[in-house]
Amino acid sequence: MGGRDLDYEIDRFAIRTIQQCITEAMSLYWVKRAEVLEAARSKPGDFIGRATVEEIAVRDAGLTLAATNCRNHARLLAEGTVSPWIAPDAEHAFEVA
């Protein structure tokens, strides 16, 4: 790979990174992410393999919590309560007042 190809790939990477940052700064991204997480929860008739009822419940609870966090983040972005450009305090990022 020549230097010119490497420069092109670096530019493409930088552009994609910026696109992703802009996407994640929008509340709609977080609403859609919550929908994906909710859709991943178990449903009656799903093949569960060797998973126990307890293991499925733990997984579903984790997905529900993650979806709730995404919806809270979307709401805060929409309200302008948080800035998408300033990294949150990770320990308190999803606390609801």
PDB file of N, CA and C in Angstrom:
ATOM      1  N   MET A   1       0.850  -1.176   0.000  1.00  0.00           N
ATOM      2  CA  MET A   1       0.000   0.000   0.000  1.00  0.00           C
ATOM      3  C   MET A   1       0.892   1.233   0.000  1.00  0.00           C
ATOM      4  N   GLY A   2       0.751   2.043  -1.007  1.00  0.00           N
ATOM      5  CA  GLY A   2       1.565   3.246  -1.111  1.00  0.00           C
ATOM      6  C   GLY A   2       1.092   4.333  -0.164  1.00  0.00           C
ATOM      7  N   GLY A   3       1.914   5.352  -0.034  1.00  0.00           N
ATOM      8  CA  GLY A   3       1.584   6.466   0.842  1.00  0.00           C
ATOM      9  C   GLY A   3       0.281   7.164   0.461  1.00  0.00           C
ATOM     10  N   ARG A   4       0.040   7.232  -0.843  1.00  0.00           N
ATOM     11  CA  ARG A   4      -1.177   7.894  -1.318  1.00  0.00           C
ATOM     12  C   ARG A   4      -2.422   7.106  -0.905  1.00  0.00           C
ATOM     13  N   ASP A   5      -2.362   5.790  -1.024  1.00  0.00           N
ATOM     14  CA  ASP A   5      -3.477   4.949  -0.593  1.00  0.00           C
ATOM     15  C   ASP A   5      -3.712   5.078   0.904  1.00  0.00           C
ATOM     16  N   LEU A   6      -2.655   5.126   1.669  1.00  0.00           N
ATOM     17  CA  LEU A   6      -2.761   5.269   3.111  1.00  0.00           C
ATOM     18  C   LEU A   6      -3.406   6.601   3.463  1.00  0.00           C
ATOM     19  N   ASP A   7      -2.994   7.676   2.803  1.00  0.00           N
ATOM     20  CA  ASP A   7      -3.604   8.982   3.049  1.00  0.00           C
ATOM     21  C   ASP A   7      -5.092   8.951   2.754  1.00  0.00           C
ATOM     22  N   TYR A   8      -5.479   8.304   1.664  1.00  0.00           N
ATOM     23  CA  TYR A   8      -6.885   8.183   1.292  1.00  0.00           C
ATOM     24  C   TYR A   8      -7.660   7.437   2.374  1.00  0.00           C
ATOM     25  N   GLU A   9      -7.113   6.333   2.846  1.00  0.00           N
ATOM     26  CA  GLU A   9      -7.789   5.539   3.877  1.00  0.00           C
ATOM     27  C   GLU A   9      -7.894   6.308   5.187  1.00  0.00           C
ATOM     28  N   ILE A  10      -6.872   7.052   5.534  1.00  0.00           N
ATOM     29  CA  ILE A  10      -6.920   7.866   6.748  1.00  0.00           C
ATOM     30  C   ILE A  10      -7.995   8.937   6.619  1.00  0.00           C
ATOM     31  N   ASP A  11      -8.078   9.572   5.456  1.00  0.00           N
ATOM     32  CA  ASP A  11      -9.123  10.579   5.224  1.00  0.00           C
ATOM     33  C   ASP A  11     -10.511   9.952   5.334  1.00  0.00           C
ATOM     34  N   ARG A  12     -10.687   8.793   4.737  1.00  0.00           N
ATOM     35  CA  ARG A  12     -11.993   8.107   4.810  1.00  0.00           C
ATOM     36  C   ARG A  12     -12.339   7.761   6.256  1.00  0.00           C
ATOM     37  N   PHE A  13     -11.368   7.307   7.007  1.00  0.00           N
ATOM     38  CA  PHE A  13     -11.584   6.978   8.414  1.00  0.00           C
ATOM     39  C   PHE A  13     -11.984   8.225   9.194  1.00  0.00           C
ATOM     40  N   ALA A  14     -11.286   9.323   8.959  1.00  0.00           N
ATOM     41  CA  ALA A  14     -11.588  10.568   9.670  1.00  0.00           C
ATOM     42  C   ALA A  14     -13.000  11.053   9.347  1.00  0.00           C
ATOM     43  N   ILE A  15     -13.386  10.990   8.086  1.00  0.00           N
ATOM     44  CA  ILE A  15     -14.723  11.416   7.682  1.00  0.00           C
ATOM     45  C   ILE A  15     -15.779  10.540   8.341  1.00  0.00           C
ATOM     46  N   ARG A  16     -15.559   9.228   8.341  1.00  0.00           N
ATOM     47  CA  ARG A  16     -16.536   8.316   8.947  1.00  0.00           C
ATOM     48  C   ARG A  16     -16.635   8.535  10.446  1.00  0.00           C
ATOM     49  N   THR A  17     -15.536   8.824  11.092  1.00  0.00           N
ATOM     50  CA  THR A  17     -15.544   9.090  12.527  1.00  0.00           C
ATOM     51  C   THR A  17     -16.362  10.340  12.831  1.00  0.00           C
ATOM     52  N   ILE A  18     -16.170  11.389  12.051  1.00  0.00           N
ATOM     53  CA  ILE A  18     -16.926  12.624  12.245  1.00  0.00           C
ATOM     54  C   ILE A  18     -18.411  12.386  11.984  1.00  0.00           C
ATOM     55  N   GLN A  19     -18.734  11.626  10.935  1.00  0.00           N
ATOM     56  CA  GLN A  19     -20.137  11.298  10.657  1.00  0.00           C
ATOM     57  C   GLN A  19     -20.770  10.579  11.844  1.00  0.00           C
ATOM     58  N   GLN A  20     -20.047   9.645  12.420  1.00  0.00           N
ATOM     59  CA  GLN A  20     -20.582   8.897  13.553  1.00  0.00           C
ATOM     60  C   GLN A  20     -20.786   9.806  14.760  1.00  0.00           C
ATOM     61  N   CYS A  21     -19.878  10.718  15.000  1.00  0.00           N
ATOM     62  CA  CYS A  21     -20.022  11.662  16.115  1.00  0.00           C
ATOM     63  C   CYS A  21     -21.257  12.533  15.934  1.00  0.00           C
ATOM     64  N   ILE A  22     -21.474  13.004  14.723  1.00  0.00           N
ATOM     65  CA  ILE A  22     -22.645  13.838  14.452  1.00  0.00           C
ATOM     66  C   ILE A  22     -23.924  13.020  14.624  1.00  0.00           C
ATOM     67  N   THR A  23     -23.921  11.800  14.136  1.00  0.00           N
ATOM     68  CA  THR A  23     -25.089  10.930  14.277  1.00  0.00           C
ATOM     69  C   THR A  23     -25.424  10.709  15.740  1.00  0.00           C
ATOM     70  N   GLU A  24     -24.413  10.397  16.545  1.00  0.00           N
ATOM     71  CA  GLU A  24     -24.640  10.119  17.961  1.00  0.00           C
ATOM     72  C   GLU A  24     -25.004  11.369  18.759  1.00  0.00           C
ATOM     73  N   ALA A  25     -24.847  12.534  18.171  1.00  0.00           N
ATOM     74  CA  ALA A  25     -25.221  13.775  18.835  1.00  0.00           C
ATOM     75  C   ALA A  25     -26.713  14.070  18.671  1.00  0.00           C
ATOM     76  N   MET A  26     -27.406  13.269  17.885  1.00  0.00           N
ATOM     77  CA  MET A  26     -28.826  13.493  17.628  1.00  0.00           C
ATOM     78  C   MET A  26     -29.669  12.571  18.499  1.00  0.00           C
ATOM     79  N   SER A  27     -30.747  13.106  19.038  1.00  0.00           N
ATOM     80  CA  SER A  27     -31.596  12.295  19.917  1.00  0.00           C
ATOM     81  C   SER A  27     -32.238  11.130  19.171  1.00  0.00           C
ATOM     82  N   LEU A  28     -32.544  11.302  17.899  1.00  0.00           N
ATOM     83  CA  LEU A  28     -33.173  10.229  17.127  1.00  0.00           C
ATOM     84  C   LEU A  28     -32.297   8.976  17.099  1.00  0.00           C
ATOM     85  N   TYR A  29     -30.986   9.142  17.054  1.00  0.00           N
ATOM     86  CA  TYR A  29     -30.077   7.996  17.081  1.00  0.00           C
ATOM     87  C   TYR A  29     -30.330   7.163  18.331  1.00  0.00           C
ATOM     88  N   TRP A  30     -30.476   7.836  19.468  1.00  0.00           N
ATOM     89  CA  TRP A  30     -30.632   7.134  20.740  1.00  0.00           C
ATOM     90  C   TRP A  30     -32.008   6.494  20.859  1.00  0.00           C
ATOM     91  N   VAL A  31     -33.028   7.113  20.286  1.00  0.00           N
ATOM     92  CA  VAL A  31     -34.357   6.496  20.258  1.00  0.00           C
ATOM     93  C   VAL A  31     -34.306   5.215  19.434  1.00  0.00           C
ATOM     94  N   LYS A  32     -33.683   5.289  18.265  1.00  0.00           N
ATOM     95  CA  LYS A  32     -33.565   4.106  17.404  1.00  0.00           C
ATOM     96  C   LYS A  32     -32.732   3.015  18.087  1.00  0.00           C
ATOM     97  N   ARG A  33     -31.690   3.417  18.784  1.00  0.00           N
ATOM     98  CA  ARG A  33     -30.857   2.445  19.506  1.00  0.00           C
ATOM     99  C   ARG A  33     -31.681   1.749  20.581  1.00  0.00           C
ATOM    100  N   ALA A  34     -32.525   2.502  21.287  1.00  0.00           N
ATOM    101  CA  ALA A  34     -33.407   1.915  22.303  1.00  0.00           C
ATOM    102  C   ALA A  34     -34.359   0.909  21.661  1.00  0.00           C
ATOM    103  N   GLU A  35     -34.887   1.239  20.498  1.00  0.00           N
ATOM    104  CA  GLU A  35     -35.796   0.325  19.803  1.00  0.00           C
ATOM    105  C   GLU A  35     -35.090  -0.985  19.430  1.00  0.00           C
ATOM    106  N   VAL A  36     -33.853  -0.883  18.993  1.00  0.00           N
ATOM    107  CA  VAL A  36     -33.086  -2.089  18.648  1.00  0.00           C
ATOM    108  C   VAL A  36     -32.864  -2.956  19.894  1.00  0.00           C
ATOM    109  N   LEU A  37     -32.522  -2.321  20.995  1.00  0.00           N
ATOM    110  CA  LEU A  37     -32.296  -3.067  22.235  1.00  0.00           C
ATOM    111  C   LEU A  37     -33.585  -3.726  22.718  1.00  0.00           C
ATOM    112  N   GLU A  38     -34.694  -3.000  22.625  1.00  0.00           N
ATOM    113  CA  GLU A  38     -35.974  -3.574  23.040  1.00  0.00           C
ATOM    114  C   GLU A  38     -36.370  -4.754  22.148  1.00  0.00           C
ATOM    115  N   ALA A  39     -36.091  -4.638  20.869  1.00  0.00           N
ATOM    116  CA  ALA A  39     -36.415  -5.721  19.934  1.00  0.00           C
ATOM    117  C   ALA A  39     -35.570  -6.971  20.194  1.00  0.00           C
ATOM    118  N   ALA A  40     -34.423  -6.802  20.845  1.00  0.00           N
ATOM    119  CA  ALA A  40     -33.536  -7.934  21.125  1.00  0.00           C
ATOM    120  C   ALA A  40     -33.972  -8.735  22.351  1.00  0.00           C
ATOM    121  N   ARG A  41     -34.935  -8.208  23.112  1.00  0.00           N
ATOM    122  CA  ARG A  41     -35.416  -8.956  24.278  1.00  0.00           C
ATOM    123  C   ARG A  41     -36.116 -10.237  23.819  1.00  0.00           C
ATOM    124  N   SER A  42     -36.156 -11.202  24.716  1.00  0.00           N
ATOM    125  CA  SER A  42     -36.757 -12.488  24.351  1.00  0.00           C
ATOM    126  C   SER A  42     -38.263 -12.338  24.152  1.00  0.00           C
ATOM    127  N   LYS A  43     -38.756 -13.194  23.274  1.00  0.00           N
ATOM    128  CA  LYS A  43     -40.181 -13.215  22.954  1.00  0.00           C
ATOM    129  C   LYS A  43     -40.672 -14.653  23.060  1.00  0.00           C
ATOM    130  N   PRO A  44     -41.955 -14.821  23.358  1.00  0.00           N
ATOM    131  CA  PRO A  44     -42.480 -16.201  23.400  1.00  0.00           C
ATOM    132  C   PRO A  44     -42.206 -16.911  22.076  1.00  0.00           C
ATOM    133  N   GLY A  45     -41.756 -18.128  22.174  1.00  0.00           N
ATOM    134  CA  GLY A  45     -41.471 -18.922  20.978  1.00  0.00           C
ATOM    135  C   GLY A  45     -40.040 -18.815  20.496  1.00  0.00           C
ATOM    136  N   ASP A  46     -39.234 -17.911  21.080  1.00  0.00           N
ATOM    137  CA  ASP A  46     -37.824 -17.806  20.697  1.00  0.00           C
ATOM    138  C   ASP A  46     -37.094 -19.095  21.070  1.00  0.00           C
ATOM    139  N   PHE A  47     -36.133 -19.475  20.232  1.00  0.00           N
ATOM    140  CA  PHE A  47     -35.277 -20.606  20.559  1.00  0.00           C
ATOM    141  C   PHE A  47     -34.313 -20.142  21.640  1.00  0.00           C
ATOM    142  N   ILE A  48     -34.270 -20.854  22.752  1.00  0.00           N
ATOM    143  CA  ILE A  48     -33.414 -20.430  23.860  1.00  0.00           C
ATOM    144  C   ILE A  48     -32.227 -21.350  24.097  1.00  0.00           C
ATOM    145  N   GLY A  49     -32.150 -22.430  23.355  1.00  0.00           N
ATOM    146  CA  GLY A  49     -31.017 -23.325  23.528  1.00  0.00           C
ATOM    147  C   GLY A  49     -30.936 -23.839  24.944  1.00  0.00           C
ATOM    148  N   ARG A  50     -29.764 -23.735  25.541  1.00  0.00           N
ATOM    149  CA  ARG A  50     -29.558 -24.225  26.906  1.00  0.00           C
ATOM    150  C   ARG A  50     -29.695 -23.133  27.959  1.00  0.00           C
ATOM    151  N   ALA A  51     -30.103 -21.945  27.547  1.00  0.00           N
ATOM    152  CA  ALA A  51     -30.248 -20.841  28.498  1.00  0.00           C
ATOM    153  C   ALA A  51     -31.365 -21.148  29.490  1.00  0.00           C
ATOM    154  N   THR A  52     -31.115 -20.796  30.733  1.00  0.00           N
ATOM    155  CA  THR A  52     -32.135 -20.987  31.759  1.00  0.00           C
ATOM    156  C   THR A  52     -33.079 -19.784  31.762  1.00  0.00           C
ATOM    157  N   VAL A  53     -34.207 -19.961  32.406  1.00  0.00           N
ATOM    158  CA  VAL A  53     -35.173 -18.859  32.535  1.00  0.00           C
ATOM    159  C   VAL A  53     -34.506 -17.687  33.256  1.00  0.00           C
ATOM    160  N   GLU A  54     -33.696 -17.981  34.247  1.00  0.00           N
ATOM    161  CA  GLU A  54     -33.010 -16.925  35.001  1.00  0.00           C
ATOM    162  C   GLU A  54     -32.014 -16.177  34.114  1.00  0.00           C
ATOM    163  N   GLU A  55     -31.265 -16.903  33.304  1.00  0.00           N
ATOM    164  CA  GLU A  55     -30.301 -16.262  32.401  1.00  0.00           C
ATOM    165  C   GLU A  55     -31.007 -15.353  31.391  1.00  0.00           C
ATOM    166  N   ILE A  56     -32.122 -15.811  30.889  1.00  0.00           N
ATOM    167  CA  ILE A  56     -32.888 -14.996  29.945  1.00  0.00           C
ATOM    168  C   ILE A  56     -33.430 -13.758  30.648  1.00  0.00           C
ATOM    169  N   ALA A  57     -33.903 -13.922  31.872  1.00  0.00           N
ATOM    170  CA  ALA A  57     -34.420 -12.774  32.635  1.00  0.00           C
ATOM    171  C   ALA A  57     -33.331 -11.737  32.884  1.00  0.00           C
ATOM    172  N   VAL A  58     -32.129 -12.195  33.208  1.00  0.00           N
ATOM    173  CA  VAL A  58     -31.007 -11.276  33.432  1.00  0.00           C
ATOM    174  C   VAL A  58     -30.666 -10.536  32.141  1.00  0.00           C
ATOM    175  N   ARG A  59     -30.625 -11.258  31.035  1.00  0.00           N
ATOM    176  CA  ARG A  59     -30.333 -10.635  29.736  1.00  0.00           C
ATOM    177  C   ARG A  59     -31.404  -9.611  29.378  1.00  0.00           C
ATOM    178  N   ASP A  60     -32.670  -9.988  29.567  1.00  0.00           N
ATOM    179  CA  ASP A  60     -33.763  -9.067  29.255  1.00  0.00           C
ATOM    180  C   ASP A  60     -33.717  -7.824  30.140  1.00  0.00           C
ATOM    181  N   ALA A  61     -33.385  -8.012  31.400  1.00  0.00           N
ATOM    182  CA  ALA A  61     -33.291  -6.857  32.312  1.00  0.00           C
ATOM    183  C   ALA A  61     -32.176  -5.918  31.870  1.00  0.00           C
ATOM    184  N   GLY A  62     -31.047  -6.483  31.451  1.00  0.00           N
ATOM    185  CA  GLY A  62     -29.940  -5.656  30.959  1.00  0.00           C
ATOM    186  C   GLY A  62     -30.316  -4.885  29.704  1.00  0.00           C
ATOM    187  N   LEU A  63     -31.021  -5.549  28.797  1.00  0.00           N
ATOM    188  CA  LEU A  63     -31.467  -4.876  27.574  1.00  0.00           C
ATOM    189  C   LEU A  63     -32.480  -3.780  27.886  1.00  0.00           C
ATOM    190  N   THR A  64     -33.366  -4.049  28.831  1.00  0.00           N
ATOM    191  CA  THR A  64     -34.362  -3.047  29.226  1.00  0.00           C
ATOM    192  C   THR A  64     -33.682  -1.837  29.846  1.00  0.00           C
ATOM    193  N   LEU A  65     -32.712  -2.076  30.714  1.00  0.00           N
ATOM    194  CA  LEU A  65     -31.979  -0.968  31.335  1.00  0.00           C
ATOM    195  C   LEU A  65     -31.227  -0.151  30.288  1.00  0.00           C
ATOM    196  N   ALA A  66     -30.556  -0.836  29.374  1.00  0.00           N
ATOM    197  CA  ALA A  66     -29.816  -0.133  28.322  1.00  0.00           C
ATOM    198  C   ALA A  66     -30.760   0.691  27.453  1.00  0.00           C
ATOM    199  N   ALA A  67     -31.931   0.144  27.114  1.00  0.00           N
ATOM    200  CA  ALA A  67     -32.910   0.875  26.307  1.00  0.00           C
ATOM    201  C   ALA A  67     -33.425   2.097  27.063  1.00  0.00           C
ATOM    202  N   THR A  68     -33.665   1.943  28.346  1.00  0.00           N
ATOM    203  CA  THR A  68     -34.113   3.074  29.167  1.00  0.00           C
ATOM    204  C   THR A  68     -33.045   4.160  29.199  1.00  0.00           C
ATOM    205  N   ASN A  69     -31.795   3.754  29.351  1.00  0.00           N
ATOM    206  CA  ASN A  69     -30.694   4.720  29.344  1.00  0.00           C
ATOM    207  C   ASN A  69     -30.623   5.466  28.013  1.00  0.00           C
ATOM    208  N   CYS A  70     -30.809   4.748  26.915  1.00  0.00           N
ATOM    209  CA  CYS A  70     -30.793   5.384  25.593  1.00  0.00           C
ATOM    210  C   CYS A  70     -31.932   6.391  25.465  1.00  0.00           C
ATOM    211  N   ARG A  71     -33.116   6.014  25.917  1.00  0.00           N
ATOM    212  CA  ARG A  71     -34.261   6.939  25.850  1.00  0.00           C
ATOM    213  C   ARG A  71     -34.036   8.162  26.740  1.00  0.00           C
ATOM    214  N   ASN A  72     -33.463   7.951  27.910  1.00  0.00           N
ATOM    215  CA  ASN A  72     -33.151   9.088  28.781  1.00  0.00           C
ATOM    216  C   ASN A  72     -32.144  10.020  28.115  1.00  0.00           C
ATOM    217  N   HIS A  73     -31.142   9.440  27.489  1.00  0.00           N
ATOM    218  CA  HIS A  73     -30.128  10.252  26.809  1.00  0.00           C
ATOM    219  C   HIS A  73     -30.750  11.023  25.642  1.00  0.00           C
ATOM    220  N   ALA A  74     -31.639  10.371  24.906  1.00  0.00           N
ATOM    221  CA  ALA A  74     -32.334  11.038  23.797  1.00  0.00           C
ATOM    222  C   ALA A  74     -33.144  12.217  24.315  1.00  0.00           C
ATOM    223  N   ARG A  75     -33.837  12.010  25.428  1.00  0.00           N
ATOM    224  CA  ARG A  75     -34.643  13.086  26.014  1.00  0.00           C
ATOM    225  C   ARG A  75     -33.766  14.254  26.449  1.00  0.00           C
ATOM    226  N   LEU A  76     -32.662  13.947  27.097  1.00  0.00           N
ATOM    227  CA  LEU A  76     -31.765  15.014  27.553  1.00  0.00           C
ATOM    228  C   LEU A  76     -31.177  15.790  26.374  1.00  0.00           C
ATOM    229  N   LEU A  77     -30.828  15.089  25.312  1.00  0.00           N
ATOM    230  CA  LEU A  77     -30.324  15.772  24.112  1.00  0.00           C
ATOM    231  C   LEU A  77     -31.406  16.663  23.506  1.00  0.00           C
ATOM    232  N   ALA A  78     -32.635  16.142  23.421  1.00  0.00           N
ATOM    233  CA  ALA A  78     -33.732  16.903  22.827  1.00  0.00           C
ATOM    234  C   ALA A  78     -34.059  18.143  23.656  1.00  0.00           C
ATOM    235  N   GLU A  79     -33.953  18.023  24.970  1.00  0.00           N
ATOM    236  CA  GLU A  79     -34.230  19.157  25.861  1.00  0.00           C
ATOM    237  C   GLU A  79     -33.081  20.160  25.885  1.00  0.00           C
ATOM    238  N   GLY A  80     -31.925  19.740  25.421  1.00  0.00           N
ATOM    239  CA  GLY A  80     -30.755  20.602  25.503  1.00  0.00           C
ATOM    240  C   GLY A  80     -30.128  20.589  26.887  1.00  0.00           C
ATOM    241  N   THR A  81     -30.518  19.600  27.701  1.00  0.00           N
ATOM    242  CA  THR A  81     -29.999  19.480  29.061  1.00  0.00           C
ATOM    243  C   THR A  81     -28.534  19.083  29.076  1.00  0.00           C
ATOM    244  N   VAL A  82     -28.143  18.265  28.095  1.00  0.00           N
ATOM    245  CA  VAL A  82     -26.741  17.862  27.971  1.00  0.00           C
ATOM    246  C   VAL A  82     -26.231  18.290  26.605  1.00  0.00           C
ATOM    247  N   SER A  83     -24.952  18.520  26.546  1.00  0.00           N
ATOM    248  CA  SER A  83     -24.324  18.866  25.280  1.00  0.00           C
ATOM    249  C   SER A  83     -23.768  17.598  24.650  1.00  0.00           C
ATOM    250  N   PRO A  84     -24.061  17.372  23.378  1.00  0.00           N
ATOM    251  CA  PRO A  84     -23.491  16.191  22.735  1.00  0.00           C
ATOM    252  C   PRO A  84     -21.998  16.333  22.487  1.00  0.00           C
ATOM    253  N   TRP A  85     -21.458  17.499  22.692  1.00  0.00           N
ATOM    254  CA  TRP A  85     -20.055  17.752  22.360  1.00  0.00           C
ATOM    255  C   TRP A  85     -19.145  17.720  23.575  1.00  0.00           C
ATOM    256  N   ILE A  86     -19.721  17.594  24.762  1.00  0.00           N
ATOM    257  CA  ILE A  86     -18.921  17.526  25.979  1.00  0.00           C
ATOM    258  C   ILE A  86     -19.094  16.133  26.568  1.00  0.00           C
ATOM    259  N   ALA A  87     -18.008  15.451  26.803  1.00  0.00           N
ATOM    260  CA  ALA A  87     -18.078  14.099  27.349  1.00  0.00           C
ATOM    261  C   ALA A  87     -18.697  14.144  28.741  1.00  0.00           C
ATOM    262  N   PRO A  88     -19.705  13.299  28.974  1.00  0.00           N
ATOM    263  CA  PRO A  88     -20.349  13.292  30.288  1.00  0.00           C
ATOM    264  C   PRO A  88     -19.468  12.619  31.324  1.00  0.00           C
ATOM    265  N   ASP A  89     -19.769  12.922  32.570  1.00  0.00           N
ATOM    266  CA  ASP A  89     -19.170  12.203  33.682  1.00  0.00           C
ATOM    267  C   ASP A  89     -19.750  10.789  33.604  1.00  0.00           C
ATOM    268  N   ALA A  90     -18.951   9.830  33.236  1.00  0.00           N
ATOM    269  CA  ALA A  90     -19.442   8.477  32.958  1.00  0.00           C
ATOM    270  C   ALA A  90     -20.190   7.879  34.145  1.00  0.00           C
ATOM    271  N   GLU A  91     -19.791   8.222  35.348  1.00  0.00           N
ATOM    272  CA  GLU A  91     -20.430   7.642  36.525  1.00  0.00           C
ATOM    273  C   GLU A  91     -21.876   8.111  36.676  1.00  0.00           C
ATOM    274  N   HIS A  92     -22.173   9.334  36.207  1.00  0.00           N
ATOM    275  CA  HIS A  92     -23.500   9.907  36.389  1.00  0.00           C
ATOM    276  C   HIS A  92     -24.197  10.213  35.062  1.00  0.00           C
ATOM    277  N   ALA A  93     -23.733   9.638  33.988  1.00  0.00           N
ATOM    278  CA  ALA A  93     -24.200  10.003  32.653  1.00  0.00           C
ATOM    279  C   ALA A  93     -25.686   9.783  32.436  1.00  0.00           C
ATOM    280  N   PHE A  94     -26.248   8.747  33.023  1.00  0.00           N
ATOM    281  CA  PHE A  94     -27.640   8.409  32.720  1.00  0.00           C
ATOM    282  C   PHE A  94     -28.571   8.565  33.908  1.00  0.00           C
ATOM    283  N   GLU A  95     -28.147   9.279  34.936  1.00  0.00           N
ATOM    284  CA  GLU A  95     -29.025   9.503  36.054  1.00  0.00           C
ATOM    285  C   GLU A  95     -30.160  10.427  35.644  1.00  0.00           C
ATOM    286  N   VAL A  96     -31.343  10.121  36.129  1.00  0.00           N
ATOM    287  CA  VAL A  96     -32.504  10.940  35.831  1.00  0.00           C
ATOM    288  C   VAL A  96     -32.808  11.776  37.068  1.00  0.00           C
ATOM    289  N   ALA A  97     -32.945  13.074  36.847  1.00  0.00           N
ATOM    290  CA  ALA A  97     -33.213  13.967  37.975  1.00  0.00           C
ATOM    291  C   ALA A  97     -34.634  13.808  38.462  1.00  0.00           C
TER     292      ALA A  97
END
